[in-house]
Structure formats: structure tokens, C-alpha cells
Amino acid sequence: MTLDELFDIICTRREAPPSASYTARLLAAGEDEILKKVGEESVEVILAAKAQGDARLVEEIADLAYHTLVLLAARGLTPDDIRAELARRHRPA
């Protein structure tokens, strides 16, 4: 699955939230709860990088990417906004 595909699923859950969806519950909980999860996952990435091996690091980065995409969706932003910023930063001088 690509990050764009995952983002599309997140947006679908935002627009038509199924009751059993973690994503829908997280979005309904609001931005403070989403930010809490982004913070937790950031710490877990650091811990995994320091002492838990590459497989665990990949798992934690995947969790951080997911929660970051949820934050973008909650704010009405998209991965294209990130791409545009990265492109702006790396334009030839």
C-alpha cells in the first residue's frame, strides 16, 4: 500500500466514519488526541532506532506516518502539500 492509498482511506473514514474504525474514532476525538498519538509515535521511533532493531524501527515509522497522515486529513491538508514544500526547498538556486 502506498502512502497516497492510505491517505485516501483515512479521508474516506473521515467523510463516512464506520463505527468500528480506529481512524474514524481518532478523527472524532479531535486534534489534541491526534497530536498526542503523533508525539507518542515520535518517541517510539526514537526508542526503536536506539535499541530495538531495524524491523521495529520500520514498524514505528509506519505508525508515525499513519498518524501524521491522520493529522493532515484532520487539518484539511494533503500529502501534496508536503510534496510542494519539499519541492520548494529543493529547487535549484
PDB file of N, CA and C in Angstrom:
ATOM      1  N   MET A   1       0.839  -1.174   0.000  1.00  0.00           N
ATOM      2  CA  MET A   1       0.000   0.000   0.000  1.00  0.00           C
ATOM      3  C   MET A   1       0.886   1.240   0.000  1.00  0.00           C
ATOM      4  N   THR A   2       0.515   2.214  -0.805  1.00  0.00           N
ATOM      5  CA  THR A   2       1.262   3.461  -0.829  1.00  0.00           C
ATOM      6  C   THR A   2       0.720   4.422   0.231  1.00  0.00           C
ATOM      7  N   LEU A   3       1.496   5.451   0.531  1.00  0.00           N
ATOM      8  CA  LEU A   3       1.021   6.472   1.466  1.00  0.00           C
ATOM      9  C   LEU A   3      -0.187   7.202   0.902  1.00  0.00           C
ATOM     10  N   ASP A   4      -0.234   7.388  -0.408  1.00  0.00           N
ATOM     11  CA  ASP A   4      -1.400   8.025  -1.020  1.00  0.00           C
ATOM     12  C   ASP A   4      -2.649   7.162  -0.866  1.00  0.00           C
ATOM     13  N   GLU A   5      -2.500   5.862  -1.037  1.00  0.00           N
ATOM     14  CA  GLU A   5      -3.644   4.962  -0.844  1.00  0.00           C
ATOM     15  C   GLU A   5      -4.118   4.997   0.607  1.00  0.00           C
ATOM     16  N   LEU A   6      -3.185   4.986   1.537  1.00  0.00           N
ATOM     17  CA  LEU A   6      -3.542   5.072   2.944  1.00  0.00           C
ATOM     18  C   LEU A   6      -4.246   6.392   3.233  1.00  0.00           C
ATOM     19  N   PHE A   7      -3.744   7.481   2.686  1.00  0.00           N
ATOM     20  CA  PHE A   7      -4.374   8.782   2.896  1.00  0.00           C
ATOM     21  C   PHE A   7      -5.800   8.782   2.353  1.00  0.00           C
ATOM     22  N   ASP A   8      -6.012   8.157   1.210  1.00  0.00           N
ATOM     23  CA  ASP A   8      -7.366   8.072   0.649  1.00  0.00           C
ATOM     24  C   ASP A   8      -8.306   7.317   1.587  1.00  0.00           C
ATOM     25  N   ILE A   9      -7.823   6.256   2.193  1.00  0.00           N
ATOM     26  CA  ILE A   9      -8.635   5.501   3.156  1.00  0.00           C
ATOM     27  C   ILE A   9      -8.959   6.375   4.360  1.00  0.00           C
ATOM     28  N   ILE A  10      -7.969   7.099   4.857  1.00  0.00           N
ATOM     29  CA  ILE A  10      -8.184   7.995   6.003  1.00  0.00           C
ATOM     30  C   ILE A  10      -9.263   9.016   5.666  1.00  0.00           C
ATOM     31  N   CYS A  11      -9.190   9.609   4.484  1.00  0.00           N
ATOM     32  CA  CYS A  11     -10.185  10.611   4.074  1.00  0.00           C
ATOM     33  C   CYS A  11     -11.577   9.992   3.934  1.00  0.00           C
ATOM     34  N   THR A  12     -11.634   8.779   3.431  1.00  0.00           N
ATOM     35  CA  THR A  12     -12.917   8.086   3.329  1.00  0.00           C
ATOM     36  C   THR A  12     -13.513   7.866   4.716  1.00  0.00           C
ATOM     37  N   ARG A  13     -12.679   7.488   5.669  1.00  0.00           N
ATOM     38  CA  ARG A  13     -13.155   7.275   7.041  1.00  0.00           C
ATOM     39  C   ARG A  13     -13.564   8.590   7.694  1.00  0.00           C
ATOM     40  N   ARG A  14     -12.944   9.676   7.282  1.00  0.00           N
ATOM     41  CA  ARG A  14     -13.310  10.993   7.802  1.00  0.00           C
ATOM     42  C   ARG A  14     -14.685  11.396   7.269  1.00  0.00           C
ATOM     43  N   GLU A  15     -14.937  11.122   5.999  1.00  0.00           N
ATOM     44  CA  GLU A  15     -16.185  11.542   5.353  1.00  0.00           C
ATOM     45  C   GLU A  15     -17.361  10.630   5.695  1.00  0.00           C
ATOM     46  N   ALA A  16     -17.103   9.344   5.828  1.00  0.00           N
ATOM     47  CA  ALA A  16     -18.160   8.368   6.135  1.00  0.00           C
ATOM     48  C   ALA A  16     -17.633   7.427   7.204  1.00  0.00           C
ATOM     49  N   PRO A  17     -17.617   7.904   8.454  1.00  0.00           N
ATOM     50  CA  PRO A  17     -16.942   7.140   9.515  1.00  0.00           C
ATOM     51  C   PRO A  17     -17.669   5.855   9.921  1.00  0.00           C
ATOM     52  N   PRO A  18     -17.048   4.698   9.658  1.00  0.00           N
ATOM     53  CA  PRO A  18     -17.613   3.446  10.168  1.00  0.00           C
ATOM     54  C   PRO A  18     -17.401   3.368  11.683  1.00  0.00           C
ATOM     55  N   SER A  19     -18.358   2.828  12.380  1.00  0.00           N
ATOM     56  CA  SER A  19     -18.301   2.819  13.852  1.00  0.00           C
ATOM     57  C   SER A  19     -17.133   1.996  14.390  1.00  0.00           C
ATOM     58  N   ALA A  20     -16.687   0.995  13.664  1.00  0.00           N
ATOM     59  CA  ALA A  20     -15.611   0.129  14.162  1.00  0.00           C
ATOM     60  C   ALA A  20     -14.225   0.607  13.728  1.00  0.00           C
ATOM     61  N   SER A  21     -14.131   1.784  13.153  1.00  0.00           N
ATOM     62  CA  SER A  21     -12.869   2.257  12.597  1.00  0.00           C
ATOM     63  C   SER A  21     -12.057   3.043  13.623  1.00  0.00           C
ATOM     64  N   TYR A  22     -10.816   2.607  13.855  1.00  0.00           N
ATOM     65  CA  TYR A  22      -9.904   3.359  14.722  1.00  0.00           C
ATOM     66  C   TYR A  22      -9.668   4.744  14.151  1.00  0.00           C
ATOM     67  N   THR A  23      -9.489   4.817  12.842  1.00  0.00           N
ATOM     68  CA  THR A  23      -9.249   6.106  12.189  1.00  0.00           C
ATOM     69  C   THR A  23     -10.410   7.061  12.430  1.00  0.00           C
ATOM     70  N   ALA A  24     -11.622   6.593  12.255  1.00  0.00           N
ATOM     71  CA  ALA A  24     -12.803   7.438  12.471  1.00  0.00           C
ATOM     72  C   ALA A  24     -12.880   7.888  13.924  1.00  0.00           C
ATOM     73  N   ARG A  25     -12.599   6.998  14.858  1.00  0.00           N
ATOM     74  CA  ARG A  25     -12.623   7.370  16.289  1.00  0.00           C
ATOM     75  C   ARG A  25     -11.552   8.405  16.605  1.00  0.00           C
ATOM     76  N   LEU A  26     -10.372   8.232  16.024  1.00  0.00           N
ATOM     77  CA  LEU A  26      -9.280   9.174  16.255  1.00  0.00           C
ATOM     78  C   LEU A  26      -9.638  10.548  15.697  1.00  0.00           C
ATOM     79  N   LEU A  27     -10.170  10.587  14.501  1.00  0.00           N
ATOM     80  CA  LEU A  27     -10.583  11.867  13.914  1.00  0.00           C
ATOM     81  C   LEU A  27     -11.682  12.519  14.744  1.00  0.00           C
ATOM     82  N   ALA A  28     -12.622  11.729  15.222  1.00  0.00           N
ATOM     83  CA  ALA A  28     -13.718  12.265  16.036  1.00  0.00           C
ATOM     84  C   ALA A  28     -13.213  12.785  17.383  1.00  0.00           C
ATOM     85  N   ALA A  29     -12.142  12.203  17.889  1.00  0.00           N
ATOM     86  CA  ALA A  29     -11.582  12.625  19.179  1.00  0.00           C
ATOM     87  C   ALA A  29     -10.969  14.013  19.096  1.00  0.00           C
ATOM     88  N   GLY A  30     -10.577  14.418  17.899  1.00  0.00           N
ATOM     89  CA  GLY A  30     -10.084  15.771  17.707  1.00  0.00           C
ATOM     90  C   GLY A  30      -8.572  15.877  17.625  1.00  0.00           C
ATOM     91  N   GLU A  31      -8.155  17.091  17.305  1.00  0.00           N
ATOM     92  CA  GLU A  31      -6.746  17.336  17.022  1.00  0.00           C
ATOM     93  C   GLU A  31      -5.836  17.066  18.213  1.00  0.00           C
ATOM     94  N   ASP A  32      -6.270  17.400  19.429  1.00  0.00           N
ATOM     95  CA  ASP A  32      -5.403  17.157  20.586  1.00  0.00           C
ATOM     96  C   ASP A  32      -5.071  15.677  20.729  1.00  0.00           C
ATOM     97  N   GLU A  33      -6.043  14.821  20.505  1.00  0.00           N
ATOM     98  CA  GLU A  33      -5.799  13.379  20.606  1.00  0.00           C
ATOM     99  C   GLU A  33      -4.877  12.907  19.475  1.00  0.00           C
ATOM    100  N   ILE A  34      -5.078  13.442  18.287  1.00  0.00           N
ATOM    101  CA  ILE A  34      -4.212  13.088  17.159  1.00  0.00           C
ATOM    102  C   ILE A  34      -2.779  13.527  17.453  1.00  0.00           C
ATOM    103  N   LEU A  35      -2.617  14.739  17.962  1.00  0.00           N
ATOM    104  CA  LEU A  35      -1.273  15.241  18.298  1.00  0.00           C
ATOM    105  C   LEU A  35      -0.622  14.386  19.381  1.00  0.00           C
ATOM    106  N   LYS A  36      -1.403  13.939  20.335  1.00  0.00           N
ATOM    107  CA  LYS A  36      -0.884  13.047  21.376  1.00  0.00           C
ATOM    108  C   LYS A  36      -0.324  11.771  20.751  1.00  0.00           C
ATOM    109  N   LYS A  37      -1.053  11.213  19.791  1.00  0.00           N
ATOM    110  CA  LYS A  37      -0.587   9.990  19.133  1.00  0.00           C
ATOM    111  C   LYS A  37       0.667  10.260  18.291  1.00  0.00           C
ATOM    112  N   VAL A  38       0.716  11.394  17.601  1.00  0.00           N
ATOM    113  CA  VAL A  38       1.913  11.735  16.828  1.00  0.00           C
ATOM    114  C   VAL A  38       3.112  11.843  17.766  1.00  0.00           C
ATOM    115  N   GLY A  39       2.924  12.476  18.905  1.00  0.00           N
ATOM    116  CA  GLY A  39       4.005  12.595  19.883  1.00  0.00           C
ATOM    117  C   GLY A  39       4.452  11.241  20.410  1.00  0.00           C
ATOM    118  N   GLU A  40       3.497  10.387  20.763  1.00  0.00           N
ATOM    119  CA  GLU A  40       3.838   9.051  21.261  1.00  0.00           C
ATOM    120  C   GLU A  40       4.619   8.265  20.213  1.00  0.00           C
ATOM    121  N   GLU A  41       4.149   8.317  18.987  1.00  0.00           N
ATOM    122  CA  GLU A  41       4.824   7.557  17.926  1.00  0.00           C
ATOM    123  C   GLU A  41       6.209   8.119  17.639  1.00  0.00           C
ATOM    124  N   SER A  42       6.378   9.425  17.758  1.00  0.00           N
ATOM    125  CA  SER A  42       7.705  10.026  17.568  1.00  0.00           C
ATOM    126  C   SER A  42       8.697   9.492  18.586  1.00  0.00           C
ATOM    127  N   VAL A  43       8.274   9.417  19.835  1.00  0.00           N
ATOM    128  CA  VAL A  43       9.133   8.870  20.888  1.00  0.00           C
ATOM    129  C   VAL A  43       9.441   7.400  20.605  1.00  0.00           C
ATOM    130  N   GLU A  44       8.438   6.653  20.161  1.00  0.00           N
ATOM    131  CA  GLU A  44       8.654   5.235  19.879  1.00  0.00           C
ATOM    132  C   GLU A  44       9.627   5.035  18.717  1.00  0.00           C
ATOM    133  N   VAL A  45       9.618   5.940  17.734  1.00  0.00           N
ATOM    134  CA  VAL A  45      10.599   5.867  16.648  1.00  0.00           C
ATOM    135  C   VAL A  45      12.011   6.034  17.211  1.00  0.00           C
ATOM    136  N   ILE A  46      12.178   7.001  18.083  1.00  0.00           N
ATOM    137  CA  ILE A  46      13.497   7.246  18.680  1.00  0.00           C
ATOM    138  C   ILE A  46      13.960   6.032  19.481  1.00  0.00           C
ATOM    139  N   LEU A  47      13.080   5.487  20.306  1.00  0.00           N
ATOM    140  CA  LEU A  47      13.436   4.319  21.116  1.00  0.00           C
ATOM    141  C   LEU A  47      13.794   3.125  20.236  1.00  0.00           C
ATOM    142  N   ALA A  48      13.026   2.914  19.191  1.00  0.00           N
ATOM    143  CA  ALA A  48      13.308   1.799  18.288  1.00  0.00           C
ATOM    144  C   ALA A  48      14.652   1.986  17.595  1.00  0.00           C
ATOM    145  N   ALA A  49      14.944   3.209  17.185  1.00  0.00           N
ATOM    146  CA  ALA A  49      16.211   3.479  16.498  1.00  0.00           C
ATOM    147  C   ALA A  49      17.399   3.246  17.419  1.00  0.00           C
ATOM    148  N   LYS A  50      17.226   3.545  18.700  1.00  0.00           N
ATOM    149  CA  LYS A  50      18.325   3.423  19.651  1.00  0.00           C
ATOM    150  C   LYS A  50      18.605   1.979  20.068  1.00  0.00           C
ATOM    151  N   ALA A  51      17.566   1.144  20.141  1.00  0.00           N
ATOM    152  CA  ALA A  51      17.852  -0.146  20.767  1.00  0.00           C
ATOM    153  C   ALA A  51      16.958  -1.309  20.358  1.00  0.00           C
ATOM    154  N   GLN A  52      16.100  -1.132  19.370  1.00  0.00           N
ATOM    155  CA  GLN A  52      15.133  -2.201  19.113  1.00  0.00           C
ATOM    156  C   GLN A  52      15.255  -2.842  17.738  1.00  0.00           C
ATOM    157  N   GLY A  53      16.239  -2.466  16.979  1.00  0.00           N
ATOM    158  CA  GLY A  53      16.470  -3.112  15.688  1.00  0.00           C
ATOM    159  C   GLY A  53      15.695  -2.486  14.541  1.00  0.00           C
ATOM    160  N   ASP A  54      16.136  -2.832  13.348  1.00  0.00           N
ATOM    161  CA  ASP A  54      15.574  -2.236  12.141  1.00  0.00           C
ATOM    162  C   ASP A  54      14.112  -2.601  11.908  1.00  0.00           C
ATOM    163  N   ALA A  55      13.732  -3.835  12.174  1.00  0.00           N
ATOM    164  CA  ALA A  55      12.341  -4.235  11.939  1.00  0.00           C
ATOM    165  C   ALA A  55      11.403  -3.422  12.813  1.00  0.00           C
ATOM    166  N   ARG A  56      11.753  -3.259  14.069  1.00  0.00           N
ATOM    167  CA  ARG A  56      10.919  -2.462  14.982  1.00  0.00           C
ATOM    168  C   ARG A  56      10.916  -0.996  14.558  1.00  0.00           C
ATOM    169  N   LEU A  57      12.047  -0.483  14.094  1.00  0.00           N
ATOM    170  CA  LEU A  57      12.113   0.891  13.617  1.00  0.00           C
ATOM    171  C   LEU A  57      11.150   1.108  12.452  1.00  0.00           C
ATOM    172  N   VAL A  58      11.137   0.188  11.512  1.00  0.00           N
ATOM    173  CA  VAL A  58      10.221   0.301  10.370  1.00  0.00           C
ATOM    174  C   VAL A  58       8.769   0.292  10.846  1.00  0.00           C
ATOM    175  N   GLU A  59       8.447  -0.581  11.786  1.00  0.00           N
ATOM    176  CA  GLU A  59       7.087  -0.628  12.328  1.00  0.00           C
ATOM    177  C   GLU A  59       6.688   0.708  12.950  1.00  0.00           C
ATOM    178  N   GLU A  60       7.577   1.275  13.721  1.00  0.00           N
ATOM    179  CA  GLU A  60       7.261   2.534  14.405  1.00  0.00           C
ATOM    180  C   GLU A  60       7.185   3.712  13.439  1.00  0.00           C
ATOM    181  N   ILE A  61       8.035   3.706  12.411  1.00  0.00           N
ATOM    182  CA  ILE A  61       7.949   4.764  11.407  1.00  0.00           C
ATOM    183  C   ILE A  61       6.634   4.645  10.639  1.00  0.00           C
ATOM    184  N   ALA A  62       6.194   3.417  10.382  1.00  0.00           N
ATOM    185  CA  ALA A  62       4.895   3.225   9.728  1.00  0.00           C
ATOM    186  C   ALA A  62       3.773   3.794  10.592  1.00  0.00           C
ATOM    187  N   ASP A  63       3.831   3.549  11.904  1.00  0.00           N
ATOM    188  CA  ASP A  63       2.823   4.105  12.811  1.00  0.00           C
ATOM    189  C   ASP A  63       2.858   5.630  12.812  1.00  0.00           C
ATOM    190  N   LEU A  64       4.063   6.198  12.823  1.00  0.00           N
ATOM    191  CA  LEU A  64       4.197   7.655  12.801  1.00  0.00           C
ATOM    192  C   LEU A  64       3.661   8.229  11.487  1.00  0.00           C
ATOM    193  N   ALA A  65       3.966   7.581  10.382  1.00  0.00           N
ATOM    194  CA  ALA A  65       3.469   8.049   9.085  1.00  0.00           C
ATOM    195  C   ALA A  65       1.947   8.031   9.056  1.00  0.00           C
ATOM    196  N   TYR A  66       1.350   6.949   9.551  1.00  0.00           N
ATOM    197  CA  TYR A  66      -0.110   6.858   9.592  1.00  0.00           C
ATOM    198  C   TYR A  66      -0.708   8.003  10.418  1.00  0.00           C
ATOM    199  N   HIS A  67      -0.209   8.193  11.619  1.00  0.00           N
ATOM    200  CA  HIS A  67      -0.772   9.236  12.488  1.00  0.00           C
ATOM    201  C   HIS A  67      -0.524  10.636  11.925  1.00  0.00           C
ATOM    202  N   THR A  68       0.586  10.822  11.230  1.00  0.00           N
ATOM    203  CA  THR A  68       0.850  12.097  10.573  1.00  0.00           C
ATOM    204  C   THR A  68      -0.146  12.333   9.440  1.00  0.00           C
ATOM    205  N   LEU A  69      -0.469  11.295   8.702  1.00  0.00           N
ATOM    206  CA  LEU A  69      -1.478  11.420   7.647  1.00  0.00           C
ATOM    207  C   LEU A  69      -2.854  11.731   8.230  1.00  0.00           C
ATOM    208  N   VAL A  70      -3.174  11.149   9.366  1.00  0.00           N
ATOM    209  CA  VAL A  70      -4.438  11.468  10.032  1.00  0.00           C
ATOM    210  C   VAL A  70      -4.459  12.949  10.412  1.00  0.00           C
ATOM    211  N   LEU A  71      -3.350  13.451  10.923  1.00  0.00           N
ATOM    212  CA  LEU A  71      -3.263  14.868  11.272  1.00  0.00           C
ATOM    213  C   LEU A  71      -3.469  15.751  10.038  1.00  0.00           C
ATOM    214  N   LEU A  72      -2.820  15.402   8.938  1.00  0.00           N
ATOM    215  CA  LEU A  72      -3.019  16.163   7.713  1.00  0.00           C
ATOM    216  C   LEU A  72      -4.492  16.185   7.313  1.00  0.00           C
ATOM    217  N   ALA A  73      -5.130  15.021   7.335  1.00  0.00           N
ATOM    218  CA  ALA A  73      -6.542  14.926   6.954  1.00  0.00           C
ATOM    219  C   ALA A  73      -7.416  15.755   7.877  1.00  0.00           C
ATOM    220  N   ALA A  74      -7.124  15.722   9.161  1.00  0.00           N
ATOM    221  CA  ALA A  74      -7.907  16.484  10.133  1.00  0.00           C
ATOM    222  C   ALA A  74      -7.795  17.984   9.874  1.00  0.00           C
ATOM    223  N   ARG A  75      -6.656  18.418   9.377  1.00  0.00           N
ATOM    224  CA  ARG A  75      -6.424  19.849   9.114  1.00  0.00           C
ATOM    225  C   ARG A  75      -6.824  20.265   7.703  1.00  0.00           C
ATOM    226  N   GLY A  76      -7.304  19.307   6.895  1.00  0.00           N
ATOM    227  CA  GLY A  76      -7.679  19.626   5.527  1.00  0.00           C
ATOM    228  C   GLY A  76      -6.495  19.773   4.594  1.00  0.00           C
ATOM    229  N   LEU A  77      -5.371  19.204   4.988  1.00  0.00           N
ATOM    230  CA  LEU A  77      -4.153  19.211   4.174  1.00  0.00           C
ATOM    231  C   LEU A  77      -3.993  17.859   3.496  1.00  0.00           C
ATOM    232  N   THR A  78      -3.055  17.766   2.565  1.00  0.00           N
ATOM    233  CA  THR A  78      -2.837  16.506   1.847  1.00  0.00           C
ATOM    234  C   THR A  78      -1.343  16.233   1.710  1.00  0.00           C
ATOM    235  N   PRO A  79      -0.998  15.006   1.323  1.00  0.00           N
ATOM    236  CA  PRO A  79       0.401  14.727   1.033  1.00  0.00           C
ATOM    237  C   PRO A  79       0.957  15.631  -0.071  1.00  0.00           C
ATOM    238  N   ASP A  80       0.111  16.121  -0.951  1.00  0.00           N
ATOM    239  CA  ASP A  80       0.579  17.044  -1.989  1.00  0.00           C
ATOM    240  C   ASP A  80       1.127  18.330  -1.376  1.00  0.00           C
ATOM    241  N   ASP A  81       0.583  18.748  -0.234  1.00  0.00           N
ATOM    242  CA  ASP A  81       1.111  19.929   0.445  1.00  0.00           C
ATOM    243  C   ASP A  81       2.546  19.677   0.913  1.00  0.00           C
ATOM    244  N   ILE A  82       2.806  18.476   1.363  1.00  0.00           N
ATOM    245  CA  ILE A  82       4.163  18.104   1.792  1.00  0.00           C
ATOM    246  C   ILE A  82       5.085  18.042   0.573  1.00  0.00           C
ATOM    247  N   ARG A  83       4.596  17.429  -0.496  1.00  0.00           N
ATOM    248  CA  ARG A  83       5.409  17.350  -1.714  1.00  0.00           C
ATOM    249  C   ARG A  83       5.773  18.741  -2.217  1.00  0.00           C
ATOM    250  N   ALA A  84       4.805  19.645  -2.204  1.00  0.00           N
ATOM    251  CA  ALA A  84       5.057  21.006  -2.679  1.00  0.00           C
ATOM    252  C   ALA A  84       6.109  21.699  -1.822  1.00  0.00           C
ATOM    253  N   GLU A  85       6.043  21.494  -0.515  1.00  0.00           N
ATOM    254  CA  GLU A  85       7.044  22.103   0.371  1.00  0.00           C
ATOM    255  C   GLU A  85       8.426  21.517   0.123  1.00  0.00           C
ATOM    256  N   LEU A  86       8.501  20.215  -0.049  1.00  0.00           N
ATOM    257  CA  LEU A  86       9.793  19.581  -0.334  1.00  0.00           C
ATOM    258  C   LEU A  86      10.353  20.069  -1.667  1.00  0.00           C
ATOM    259  N   ALA A  87       9.492  20.203  -2.660  1.00  0.00           N
ATOM    260  CA  ALA A  87       9.933  20.702  -3.960  1.00  0.00           C
ATOM    261  C   ALA A  87      10.428  22.150  -3.831  1.00  0.00           C
ATOM    262  N   ARG A  88       9.737  22.960  -3.040  1.00  0.00           N
ATOM    263  CA  ARG A  88      10.148  24.346  -2.835  1.00  0.00           C
ATOM    264  C   ARG A  88      11.525  24.399  -2.204  1.00  0.00           C
ATOM    265  N   ARG A  89      11.784  23.526  -1.263  1.00  0.00           N
ATOM    266  CA  ARG A  89      13.072  23.513  -0.560  1.00  0.00           C
ATOM    267  C   ARG A  89      14.214  23.048  -1.436  1.00  0.00           C
ATOM    268  N   HIS A  90      13.914  22.284  -2.466  1.00  0.00           N
ATOM    269  CA  HIS A  90      14.974  21.667  -3.251  1.00  0.00           C
ATOM    270  C   HIS A  90      15.022  22.175  -4.681  1.00  0.00           C
ATOM    271  N   ARG A  91      14.501  23.353  -4.907  1.00  0.00           N
ATOM    272  CA  ARG A  91      14.632  23.975  -6.222  1.00  0.00           C
ATOM    273  C   ARG A  91      16.085  24.375  -6.432  1.00  0.00           C
ATOM    274  N   PRO A  92      16.545  24.211  -7.659  1.00  0.00           N
ATOM    275  CA  PRO A  92      17.920  24.678  -7.934  1.00  0.00           C
ATOM    276  C   PRO A  92      18.038  26.182  -7.722  1.00  0.00           C
ATOM    277  N   ALA A  93      19.148  26.610  -7.209  1.00  0.00           N
ATOM    278  CA  ALA A  93      19.372  28.035  -6.936  1.00  0.00           C
ATOM    279  C   ALA A  93      19.605  28.820  -8.192  1.00  0.00           C
TER     280      ALA A  93
END
